[in-house]
Amino acid sequence: MQTLLRRLTLQCAGAVLVSAALVPLATNEVAAQPPVPGLHAFIFDIPKDTQQLPDFRQLKPVGEIRGATLDVSPRSYASGFPGVTHRLEWYALQFDGPFTVAQAGDFTFRLECDDGARLFIDEQLVVDHDGIHPPSSKSGTIHLGAGGHSIQVQYFQGPKEQIALRVFAAQGGQAERIFSQRL
């Protein structure tokens, strides 16, 4: 039997009371949550003075970001990384999510980052721009069929002076644009 967590929230005199209960679902009732647009990212702590991307399989996540985008323009670190709290430097992020290609063709992906990052499409490495460096870009091209695909971006932030992480995509000779989940 499936169950659904139902939550009741009451506010009384400035205090919020939350009650939760597991409620059995009827066989014809669907326990679906609306999808969160954007990508999902796990946050990892890494040792100080890390010089390259870690082996993410060896790390345990310490947080997550839902609905993440890959559009953090180069800037001073004063404003931080969107969705990452209580960390100024020496952390890593792994973004994952689906995307759809309308028309088959060759796609060029450009990865702009500070510090290191790698971009995978359908588990294939397309761009490797690892290491400690100021904001800069590298590109790679891959042929994609029409339909569903997956993207993964691995990123690490070293020293806190600057930050950047953007992914651009272009099909054939078209102008590049910030990556979205519909290409």
N, C-alpha and C. Protein backbone atom coordinates (compact mmCIF):
# COMPACT_ATOMS: atom_id res chain seq x y z
N MET A 1 0.84 -1.18 0.00
CA MET A 1 0.00 0.00 0.00
C MET A 1 0.88 1.24 0.00
N GLN A 2 0.59 2.19 -0.86
CA GLN A 2 1.33 3.44 -0.90
C GLN A 2 0.81 4.38 0.17
N THR A 3 1.69 5.28 0.63
CA THR A 3 1.27 6.28 1.58
C THR A 3 1.69 7.65 1.10
N LEU A 4 1.03 8.64 1.61
CA LEU A 4 1.31 10.02 1.26
C LEU A 4 1.49 10.79 2.55
N LEU A 5 2.54 11.59 2.63
CA LEU A 5 2.75 12.43 3.80
C LEU A 5 1.92 13.69 3.62
N ARG A 6 0.95 13.87 4.48
CA ARG A 6 0.12 15.07 4.43
C ARG A 6 0.52 15.95 5.61
N ARG A 7 0.65 17.24 5.35
CA ARG A 7 1.13 18.17 6.36
C ARG A 7 0.08 19.25 6.60
N LEU A 8 -0.14 19.56 7.87
CA LEU A 8 -1.05 20.63 8.24
C LEU A 8 -0.22 21.68 8.95
N THR A 9 -0.31 22.91 8.48
CA THR A 9 0.44 24.01 9.09
C THR A 9 -0.54 25.01 9.66
N LEU A 10 -0.35 25.34 10.92
CA LEU A 10 -1.19 26.31 11.60
C LEU A 10 -0.32 27.43 12.11
N GLN A 11 -0.82 28.65 12.04
CA GLN A 11 -0.08 29.78 12.58
C GLN A 11 -0.93 30.39 13.67
N CYS A 12 -0.32 30.55 14.83
CA CYS A 12 -1.06 31.07 15.97
C CYS A 12 -0.14 32.00 16.75
N ALA A 13 -0.51 33.23 16.91
CA ALA A 13 0.24 34.22 17.69
C ALA A 13 1.70 34.26 17.29
N GLY A 14 1.96 34.25 15.98
CA GLY A 14 3.33 34.38 15.49
C GLY A 14 4.12 33.08 15.47
N ALA A 15 3.61 32.02 16.07
CA ALA A 15 4.31 30.73 16.07
C ALA A 15 3.71 29.85 14.99
N VAL A 16 4.53 29.02 14.39
CA VAL A 16 4.06 28.11 13.35
C VAL A 16 4.09 26.71 13.92
N LEU A 17 2.97 26.04 13.86
CA LEU A 17 2.86 24.66 14.31
C LEU A 17 2.72 23.78 13.09
N VAL A 18 3.50 22.72 13.00
CA VAL A 18 3.44 21.83 11.85
C VAL A 18 3.10 20.45 12.33
N SER A 19 2.15 19.83 11.68
CA SER A 19 1.76 18.47 12.01
C SER A 19 1.87 17.65 10.73
N ALA A 20 2.34 16.43 10.83
CA ALA A 20 2.45 15.58 9.65
C ALA A 20 1.91 14.20 9.97
N ALA A 21 1.35 13.55 8.97
CA ALA A 21 0.83 12.20 9.15
C ALA A 21 0.96 11.44 7.85
N LEU A 22 1.21 10.14 7.95
CA LEU A 22 1.22 9.28 6.78
C LEU A 22 -0.20 8.79 6.55
N VAL A 23 -0.71 9.04 5.35
CA VAL A 23 -2.08 8.71 5.02
C VAL A 23 -2.07 7.68 3.90
N PRO A 24 -2.78 6.54 4.06
CA PRO A 24 -2.81 5.56 2.96
C PRO A 24 -3.44 6.15 1.71
N LEU A 25 -2.91 5.77 0.57
CA LEU A 25 -3.45 6.22 -0.71
C LEU A 25 -4.38 5.16 -1.26
N ALA A 26 -5.46 5.59 -1.82
CA ALA A 26 -6.32 4.67 -2.55
C ALA A 26 -5.56 4.24 -3.80
N THR A 27 -5.89 3.10 -4.35
CA THR A 27 -5.15 2.59 -5.50
C THR A 27 -5.27 3.48 -6.72
N ASN A 28 -6.29 4.31 -6.80
CA ASN A 28 -6.44 5.19 -7.95
C ASN A 28 -5.93 6.60 -7.67
N GLU A 29 -5.38 6.87 -6.49
CA GLU A 29 -4.86 8.18 -6.13
C GLU A 29 -3.38 8.23 -6.47
N VAL A 30 -2.92 9.33 -7.04
CA VAL A 30 -1.53 9.47 -7.46
C VAL A 30 -0.82 10.42 -6.50
N ALA A 31 0.35 9.99 -5.99
CA ALA A 31 1.15 10.82 -5.08
C ALA A 31 2.28 11.45 -5.87
N ALA A 32 1.94 12.38 -6.72
CA ALA A 32 2.96 13.02 -7.57
C ALA A 32 3.22 14.42 -7.07
N GLN A 33 4.50 14.81 -7.08
CA GLN A 33 4.86 16.17 -6.77
C GLN A 33 5.17 16.87 -8.08
N PRO A 34 4.84 18.16 -8.16
CA PRO A 34 5.15 18.86 -9.40
C PRO A 34 6.65 18.90 -9.63
N PRO A 35 7.10 18.75 -10.87
CA PRO A 35 8.54 18.79 -11.13
C PRO A 35 9.09 20.18 -10.85
N VAL A 36 10.32 20.22 -10.38
CA VAL A 36 11.01 21.48 -10.14
C VAL A 36 11.80 21.81 -11.39
N PRO A 37 11.52 22.97 -12.03
CA PRO A 37 12.28 23.30 -13.23
C PRO A 37 13.75 23.52 -12.88
N GLY A 38 14.60 23.29 -13.83
CA GLY A 38 16.03 23.47 -13.60
C GLY A 38 16.71 22.15 -13.27
N LEU A 39 17.95 22.27 -12.86
CA LEU A 39 18.76 21.10 -12.56
C LEU A 39 18.81 20.86 -11.06
N HIS A 40 19.27 19.69 -10.69
CA HIS A 40 19.47 19.33 -9.30
C HIS A 40 20.97 19.30 -9.06
N ALA A 41 21.42 19.87 -7.96
CA ALA A 41 22.86 19.88 -7.65
C ALA A 41 23.09 19.44 -6.22
N PHE A 42 24.11 18.62 -6.02
CA PHE A 42 24.58 18.27 -4.69
C PHE A 42 25.80 19.12 -4.37
N ILE A 43 25.92 19.51 -3.11
CA ILE A 43 27.03 20.32 -2.61
C ILE A 43 27.94 19.41 -1.79
N PHE A 44 29.26 19.56 -1.98
CA PHE A 44 30.24 18.74 -1.27
C PHE A 44 31.33 19.64 -0.69
N ASP A 45 31.78 19.33 0.50
CA ASP A 45 32.96 20.00 1.06
C ASP A 45 34.20 19.34 0.47
N ILE A 46 35.23 20.13 0.18
CA ILE A 46 36.50 19.60 -0.31
C ILE A 46 37.63 20.20 0.52
N PRO A 47 38.78 19.54 0.58
CA PRO A 47 39.90 20.06 1.37
C PRO A 47 40.44 21.39 0.85
N LYS A 48 40.88 22.23 1.77
CA LYS A 48 41.53 23.49 1.41
C LYS A 48 42.72 23.19 0.51
N ASP A 49 42.97 24.07 -0.43
CA ASP A 49 44.07 23.96 -1.39
C ASP A 49 43.89 22.85 -2.42
N THR A 50 42.66 22.37 -2.60
CA THR A 50 42.36 21.41 -3.67
C THR A 50 42.71 22.08 -5.00
N GLN A 51 43.38 21.37 -5.88
CA GLN A 51 43.83 21.93 -7.16
C GLN A 51 43.04 21.44 -8.37
N GLN A 52 42.20 20.41 -8.17
CA GLN A 52 41.42 19.87 -9.29
C GLN A 52 40.13 19.26 -8.78
N LEU A 53 39.25 18.94 -9.69
CA LEU A 53 37.97 18.35 -9.32
C LEU A 53 38.18 17.07 -8.52
N PRO A 54 37.36 16.86 -7.51
CA PRO A 54 37.47 15.63 -6.72
C PRO A 54 36.80 14.46 -7.44
N ASP A 55 37.01 13.27 -6.90
CA ASP A 55 36.28 12.09 -7.35
C ASP A 55 34.96 12.12 -6.58
N PHE A 56 33.90 12.55 -7.23
CA PHE A 56 32.61 12.74 -6.56
C PHE A 56 32.06 11.44 -5.98
N ARG A 57 32.46 10.30 -6.52
CA ARG A 57 31.98 9.02 -6.00
C ARG A 57 32.50 8.76 -4.59
N GLN A 58 33.58 9.44 -4.21
CA GLN A 58 34.18 9.26 -2.88
C GLN A 58 33.65 10.26 -1.85
N LEU A 59 32.78 11.17 -2.26
CA LEU A 59 32.30 12.23 -1.37
C LEU A 59 30.86 12.01 -0.95
N LYS A 60 30.51 12.56 0.21
CA LYS A 60 29.13 12.54 0.68
C LYS A 60 28.58 13.96 0.59
N PRO A 61 27.39 14.12 0.02
CA PRO A 61 26.81 15.46 -0.09
C PRO A 61 26.53 16.07 1.28
N VAL A 62 26.70 17.38 1.37
CA VAL A 62 26.40 18.12 2.61
C VAL A 62 25.22 19.07 2.38
N GLY A 63 24.69 19.10 1.17
CA GLY A 63 23.54 19.94 0.86
C GLY A 63 23.14 19.74 -0.58
N GLU A 64 22.08 20.42 -0.98
CA GLU A 64 21.62 20.31 -2.35
C GLU A 64 20.91 21.58 -2.77
N ILE A 65 20.83 21.75 -4.09
CA ILE A 65 20.14 22.88 -4.70
C ILE A 65 19.16 22.30 -5.70
N ARG A 66 17.90 22.68 -5.62
CA ARG A 66 16.90 22.24 -6.60
C ARG A 66 16.54 23.42 -7.47
N GLY A 67 16.33 23.16 -8.74
CA GLY A 67 15.96 24.23 -9.66
C GLY A 67 17.14 25.10 -10.05
N ALA A 68 18.33 24.51 -10.01
CA ALA A 68 19.55 25.26 -10.32
C ALA A 68 19.66 25.57 -11.81
N THR A 69 20.34 26.65 -12.13
CA THR A 69 20.65 26.98 -13.51
C THR A 69 22.17 27.06 -13.66
N LEU A 70 22.62 27.04 -14.88
CA LEU A 70 24.05 27.11 -15.16
C LEU A 70 24.35 28.47 -15.79
N ASP A 71 24.06 29.52 -15.02
CA ASP A 71 24.23 30.88 -15.51
C ASP A 71 24.73 31.79 -14.38
N VAL A 72 25.92 31.51 -13.88
CA VAL A 72 26.56 32.36 -12.87
C VAL A 72 27.69 33.09 -13.58
N SER A 73 27.43 34.34 -13.95
CA SER A 73 28.40 35.11 -14.72
C SER A 73 29.64 35.42 -13.89
N PRO A 74 30.79 35.61 -14.55
CA PRO A 74 32.03 35.93 -13.81
C PRO A 74 31.84 37.18 -12.96
N ARG A 75 32.26 37.08 -11.70
CA ARG A 75 32.11 38.20 -10.77
C ARG A 75 32.94 37.99 -9.53
N SER A 76 33.03 39.04 -8.75
CA SER A 76 33.67 38.95 -7.45
C SER A 76 32.86 38.00 -6.60
N TYR A 77 33.51 37.29 -5.71
CA TYR A 77 32.79 36.30 -4.92
C TYR A 77 31.91 36.93 -3.85
N ALA A 78 31.88 38.22 -3.73
CA ALA A 78 31.11 38.90 -2.68
C ALA A 78 29.65 38.46 -2.65
N SER A 79 29.08 38.16 -3.81
CA SER A 79 27.67 37.77 -3.84
C SER A 79 27.46 36.27 -3.71
N GLY A 80 28.52 35.47 -3.73
CA GLY A 80 28.40 34.03 -3.52
C GLY A 80 27.79 33.28 -4.68
N PHE A 81 27.68 31.97 -4.52
CA PHE A 81 27.10 31.10 -5.53
C PHE A 81 25.63 30.91 -5.20
N PRO A 82 24.72 31.15 -6.14
CA PRO A 82 23.29 31.03 -5.86
C PRO A 82 22.91 29.67 -5.28
N GLY A 83 22.28 29.68 -4.13
CA GLY A 83 21.82 28.44 -3.49
C GLY A 83 22.81 27.81 -2.55
N VAL A 84 24.06 28.24 -2.56
CA VAL A 84 25.07 27.68 -1.66
C VAL A 84 25.22 28.64 -0.49
N THR A 85 24.94 28.15 0.70
CA THR A 85 25.03 28.98 1.89
C THR A 85 26.15 28.49 2.80
N HIS A 86 26.67 29.38 3.59
CA HIS A 86 27.68 29.07 4.61
C HIS A 86 28.98 28.52 4.04
N ARG A 87 29.25 28.79 2.76
CA ARG A 87 30.50 28.33 2.14
C ARG A 87 30.99 29.43 1.22
N LEU A 88 32.22 29.86 1.44
CA LEU A 88 32.82 30.88 0.59
C LEU A 88 33.84 30.29 -0.36
N GLU A 89 34.46 29.21 0.03
CA GLU A 89 35.48 28.58 -0.80
C GLU A 89 35.62 27.12 -0.42
N TRP A 90 36.32 26.37 -1.25
CA TRP A 90 36.65 24.97 -1.04
C TRP A 90 35.39 24.10 -0.89
N TYR A 91 34.59 24.13 -1.95
CA TYR A 91 33.44 23.24 -2.04
C TYR A 91 33.29 22.83 -3.51
N ALA A 92 32.52 21.77 -3.72
CA ALA A 92 32.28 21.27 -5.08
C ALA A 92 30.78 21.09 -5.27
N LEU A 93 30.35 21.17 -6.52
CA LEU A 93 28.95 20.97 -6.89
C LEU A 93 28.88 19.98 -8.04
N GLN A 94 27.86 19.14 -8.01
CA GLN A 94 27.60 18.26 -9.15
C GLN A 94 26.15 18.47 -9.57
N PHE A 95 25.97 19.04 -10.77
CA PHE A 95 24.66 19.32 -11.33
C PHE A 95 24.24 18.18 -12.25
N ASP A 96 22.99 17.77 -12.17
CA ASP A 96 22.46 16.72 -13.04
C ASP A 96 21.05 17.09 -13.47
N GLY A 97 20.68 16.69 -14.68
CA GLY A 97 19.32 16.89 -15.11
C GLY A 97 19.09 16.49 -16.54
N PRO A 98 17.83 16.39 -16.91
CA PRO A 98 17.47 16.04 -18.29
C PRO A 98 17.36 17.29 -19.15
N PHE A 99 17.47 17.09 -20.45
CA PHE A 99 17.16 18.15 -21.41
C PHE A 99 16.68 17.49 -22.69
N THR A 100 16.02 18.28 -23.53
CA THR A 100 15.43 17.78 -24.76
C THR A 100 15.99 18.52 -25.96
N VAL A 101 16.31 17.77 -26.99
CA VAL A 101 16.78 18.33 -28.26
C VAL A 101 15.63 18.21 -29.26
N ALA A 102 15.26 19.34 -29.86
CA ALA A 102 14.15 19.35 -30.83
C ALA A 102 14.55 18.74 -32.16
N GLN A 103 15.77 19.05 -32.63
CA GLN A 103 16.22 18.58 -33.94
C GLN A 103 17.63 18.04 -33.82
N ALA A 104 17.86 16.84 -34.34
CA ALA A 104 19.18 16.22 -34.28
C ALA A 104 20.23 17.09 -34.96
N GLY A 105 21.46 17.01 -34.47
CA GLY A 105 22.54 17.77 -35.09
C GLY A 105 23.76 17.84 -34.20
N ASP A 106 24.77 18.56 -34.66
CA ASP A 106 25.98 18.79 -33.88
C ASP A 106 25.75 19.99 -32.97
N PHE A 107 26.06 19.81 -31.70
CA PHE A 107 25.91 20.87 -30.70
C PHE A 107 27.27 21.19 -30.11
N THR A 108 27.58 22.48 -30.02
CA THR A 108 28.79 22.94 -29.37
C THR A 108 28.41 23.49 -28.00
N PHE A 109 29.08 22.98 -26.99
CA PHE A 109 28.86 23.44 -25.62
C PHE A 109 30.11 24.19 -25.18
N ARG A 110 29.91 25.38 -24.62
CA ARG A 110 31.02 26.16 -24.07
C ARG A 110 30.83 26.28 -22.57
N LEU A 111 31.87 25.92 -21.85
CA LEU A 111 31.86 25.93 -20.39
C LEU A 111 32.75 27.06 -19.91
N GLU A 112 32.16 28.04 -19.24
CA GLU A 112 32.90 29.16 -18.67
C GLU A 112 32.90 28.97 -17.16
N CYS A 113 34.08 28.98 -16.55
CA CYS A 113 34.13 28.69 -15.12
C CYS A 113 35.34 29.31 -14.43
N ASP A 114 35.22 29.41 -13.13
CA ASP A 114 36.28 29.76 -12.18
C ASP A 114 35.86 29.08 -10.89
N ASP A 115 36.39 28.06 -10.50
CA ASP A 115 37.59 27.36 -10.92
C ASP A 115 37.21 26.20 -11.84
N GLY A 116 37.66 24.99 -11.55
CA GLY A 116 37.53 23.88 -12.48
C GLY A 116 36.13 23.34 -12.67
N ALA A 117 35.90 22.80 -13.88
CA ALA A 117 34.61 22.19 -14.19
C ALA A 117 34.75 21.21 -15.35
N ARG A 118 33.83 20.26 -15.39
CA ARG A 118 33.71 19.31 -16.51
C ARG A 118 32.24 19.22 -16.88
N LEU A 119 31.99 19.02 -18.19
CA LEU A 119 30.63 18.90 -18.70
C LEU A 119 30.49 17.56 -19.40
N PHE A 120 29.49 16.80 -19.00
CA PHE A 120 29.17 15.51 -19.60
C PHE A 120 27.79 15.57 -20.22
N ILE A 121 27.64 15.00 -21.40
CA ILE A 121 26.34 14.83 -22.04
C ILE A 121 26.14 13.34 -22.24
N ASP A 122 25.04 12.82 -21.73
CA ASP A 122 24.75 11.39 -21.82
C ASP A 122 25.95 10.56 -21.35
N GLU A 123 26.56 11.00 -20.24
CA GLU A 123 27.70 10.34 -19.58
C GLU A 123 29.00 10.39 -20.40
N GLN A 124 29.02 11.17 -21.45
CA GLN A 124 30.23 11.32 -22.27
C GLN A 124 30.86 12.68 -21.97
N LEU A 125 32.16 12.69 -21.67
CA LEU A 125 32.86 13.94 -21.40
C LEU A 125 32.92 14.77 -22.68
N VAL A 126 32.42 16.01 -22.61
CA VAL A 126 32.40 16.91 -23.76
C VAL A 126 33.39 18.06 -23.56
N VAL A 127 33.47 18.60 -22.34
CA VAL A 127 34.39 19.70 -22.04
C VAL A 127 35.07 19.42 -20.71
N ASP A 128 36.40 19.52 -20.70
CA ASP A 128 37.19 19.38 -19.48
C ASP A 128 37.97 20.67 -19.27
N HIS A 129 37.60 21.42 -18.24
CA HIS A 129 38.25 22.71 -17.95
C HIS A 129 38.59 22.74 -16.45
N ASP A 130 39.35 21.76 -16.04
CA ASP A 130 39.68 21.54 -14.64
C ASP A 130 40.81 22.45 -14.18
N GLY A 131 41.00 22.51 -12.87
CA GLY A 131 42.11 23.23 -12.27
C GLY A 131 41.71 24.58 -11.69
N ILE A 132 42.63 25.16 -10.93
CA ILE A 132 42.46 26.51 -10.37
C ILE A 132 42.80 27.50 -11.48
N HIS A 133 41.87 28.39 -11.81
CA HIS A 133 42.12 29.39 -12.85
C HIS A 133 41.09 30.51 -12.75
N PRO A 134 41.41 31.67 -13.32
CA PRO A 134 40.43 32.76 -13.36
C PRO A 134 39.32 32.41 -14.36
N PRO A 135 38.26 33.21 -14.41
CA PRO A 135 37.18 32.92 -15.36
C PRO A 135 37.71 32.78 -16.79
N SER A 136 37.43 31.65 -17.41
CA SER A 136 37.84 31.39 -18.79
C SER A 136 36.94 30.29 -19.35
N SER A 137 37.05 30.05 -20.66
CA SER A 137 36.14 29.12 -21.34
C SER A 137 36.89 28.05 -22.11
N LYS A 138 36.24 26.92 -22.27
CA LYS A 138 36.63 25.85 -23.18
C LYS A 138 35.37 25.30 -23.80
N SER A 139 35.50 24.74 -25.02
CA SER A 139 34.34 24.24 -25.76
C SER A 139 34.56 22.82 -26.23
N GLY A 140 33.46 22.16 -26.54
CA GLY A 140 33.48 20.83 -27.12
C GLY A 140 32.21 20.61 -27.92
N THR A 141 32.27 19.71 -28.90
CA THR A 141 31.13 19.46 -29.78
C THR A 141 30.73 18.00 -29.71
N ILE A 142 29.43 17.74 -29.78
CA ILE A 142 28.89 16.39 -29.75
C ILE A 142 27.66 16.33 -30.66
N HIS A 143 27.46 15.19 -31.31
CA HIS A 143 26.26 14.99 -32.12
C HIS A 143 25.17 14.44 -31.21
N LEU A 144 23.98 15.06 -31.27
CA LEU A 144 22.85 14.62 -30.45
C LEU A 144 21.65 14.35 -31.33
N GLY A 145 20.98 13.24 -31.05
CA GLY A 145 19.74 12.94 -31.74
C GLY A 145 18.59 13.71 -31.11
N ALA A 146 17.50 13.81 -31.84
CA ALA A 146 16.31 14.45 -31.29
C ALA A 146 15.80 13.63 -30.12
N GLY A 147 15.26 14.32 -29.10
CA GLY A 147 14.70 13.61 -27.95
C GLY A 147 15.42 13.94 -26.66
N GLY A 148 15.26 13.05 -25.69
CA GLY A 148 15.77 13.28 -24.35
C GLY A 148 17.24 12.94 -24.17
N HIS A 149 17.92 13.74 -23.36
CA HIS A 149 19.35 13.56 -23.05
C HIS A 149 19.59 13.95 -21.60
N SER A 150 20.80 13.69 -21.12
CA SER A 150 21.15 14.08 -19.76
C SER A 150 22.41 14.95 -19.79
N ILE A 151 22.46 15.88 -18.83
CA ILE A 151 23.64 16.73 -18.66
C ILE A 151 24.13 16.55 -17.23
N GLN A 152 25.44 16.57 -17.09
CA GLN A 152 26.06 16.61 -15.76
C GLN A 152 27.21 17.60 -15.84
N VAL A 153 27.26 18.51 -14.86
CA VAL A 153 28.35 19.45 -14.74
C VAL A 153 28.95 19.29 -13.36
N GLN A 154 30.24 19.02 -13.32
CA GLN A 154 30.99 18.95 -12.07
C GLN A 154 31.80 20.23 -11.96
N TYR A 155 31.78 20.83 -10.76
CA TYR A 155 32.40 22.13 -10.57
C TYR A 155 33.03 22.20 -9.18
N PHE A 156 34.15 22.92 -9.07
CA PHE A 156 34.64 23.20 -7.73
C PHE A 156 35.07 24.65 -7.62
N GLN A 157 34.86 25.19 -6.42
CA GLN A 157 35.25 26.56 -6.09
C GLN A 157 36.44 26.48 -5.15
N GLY A 158 37.56 27.01 -5.61
CA GLY A 158 38.76 27.07 -4.78
C GLY A 158 38.77 28.36 -3.99
N PRO A 159 39.84 29.16 -4.15
CA PRO A 159 39.92 30.43 -3.43
C PRO A 159 38.74 31.34 -3.78
N LYS A 160 38.30 32.12 -2.81
CA LYS A 160 37.05 32.87 -2.95
C LYS A 160 37.12 34.19 -3.72
N GLU A 161 38.20 34.52 -4.38
CA GLU A 161 38.30 35.82 -5.03
C GLU A 161 37.24 36.04 -6.11
N GLN A 162 37.07 35.07 -7.01
CA GLN A 162 36.11 35.20 -8.11
C GLN A 162 35.32 33.92 -8.25
N ILE A 163 34.21 34.04 -9.00
CA ILE A 163 33.35 32.89 -9.23
C ILE A 163 32.75 32.99 -10.63
N ALA A 164 32.53 31.84 -11.26
CA ALA A 164 31.83 31.79 -12.56
C ALA A 164 31.46 30.34 -12.84
N LEU A 165 30.30 30.15 -13.42
CA LEU A 165 29.91 28.86 -13.96
C LEU A 165 28.73 29.10 -14.91
N ARG A 166 29.05 29.03 -16.20
CA ARG A 166 28.01 29.17 -17.22
C ARG A 166 28.23 28.12 -18.29
N VAL A 167 27.12 27.62 -18.82
CA VAL A 167 27.16 26.68 -19.94
C VAL A 167 26.36 27.30 -21.08
N PHE A 168 27.00 27.38 -22.23
CA PHE A 168 26.37 27.88 -23.44
C PHE A 168 26.21 26.72 -24.41
N ALA A 169 25.18 26.78 -25.26
CA ALA A 169 24.96 25.74 -26.26
C ALA A 169 24.61 26.39 -27.59
N ALA A 170 25.06 25.76 -28.67
CA ALA A 170 24.72 26.22 -30.02
C ALA A 170 24.63 25.01 -30.93
N GLN A 171 23.64 25.01 -31.80
CA GLN A 171 23.49 23.94 -32.77
C GLN A 171 23.95 24.43 -34.13
N GLY A 172 24.83 23.63 -34.76
CA GLY A 172 25.32 23.99 -36.09
C GLY A 172 25.94 25.37 -36.09
N GLY A 173 25.57 26.21 -37.01
CA GLY A 173 26.13 27.55 -37.10
C GLY A 173 25.31 28.61 -36.39
N GLN A 174 24.34 28.19 -35.56
CA GLN A 174 23.50 29.16 -34.86
C GLN A 174 24.28 29.85 -33.75
N ALA A 175 23.76 30.99 -33.31
CA ALA A 175 24.37 31.72 -32.20
C ALA A 175 24.21 30.93 -30.91
N GLU A 176 25.24 30.99 -30.07
CA GLU A 176 25.14 30.28 -28.80
C GLU A 176 24.22 31.03 -27.84
N ARG A 177 23.66 30.26 -26.90
CA ARG A 177 22.82 30.83 -25.85
C ARG A 177 23.06 30.06 -24.56
N ILE A 178 22.65 30.64 -23.45
CA ILE A 178 22.77 29.95 -22.17
C ILE A 178 22.01 28.64 -22.26
N PHE A 179 22.62 27.57 -21.74
CA PHE A 179 22.00 26.25 -21.76
C PHE A 179 20.62 26.31 -21.11
N SER A 180 19.66 25.66 -21.74
CA SER A 180 18.34 25.48 -21.14
C SER A 180 17.96 24.01 -21.36
N GLN A 181 16.90 23.59 -20.72
CA GLN A 181 16.52 22.19 -20.82
C GLN A 181 15.76 21.86 -22.08
N ARG A 182 15.63 22.86 -22.98
CA ARG A 182 15.04 22.65 -24.30
C ARG A 182 15.94 23.28 -25.32
N LEU A 183 16.64 22.44 -26.10
CA LEU A 183 17.55 22.95 -27.14
C LEU A 183 16.96 22.69 -28.52
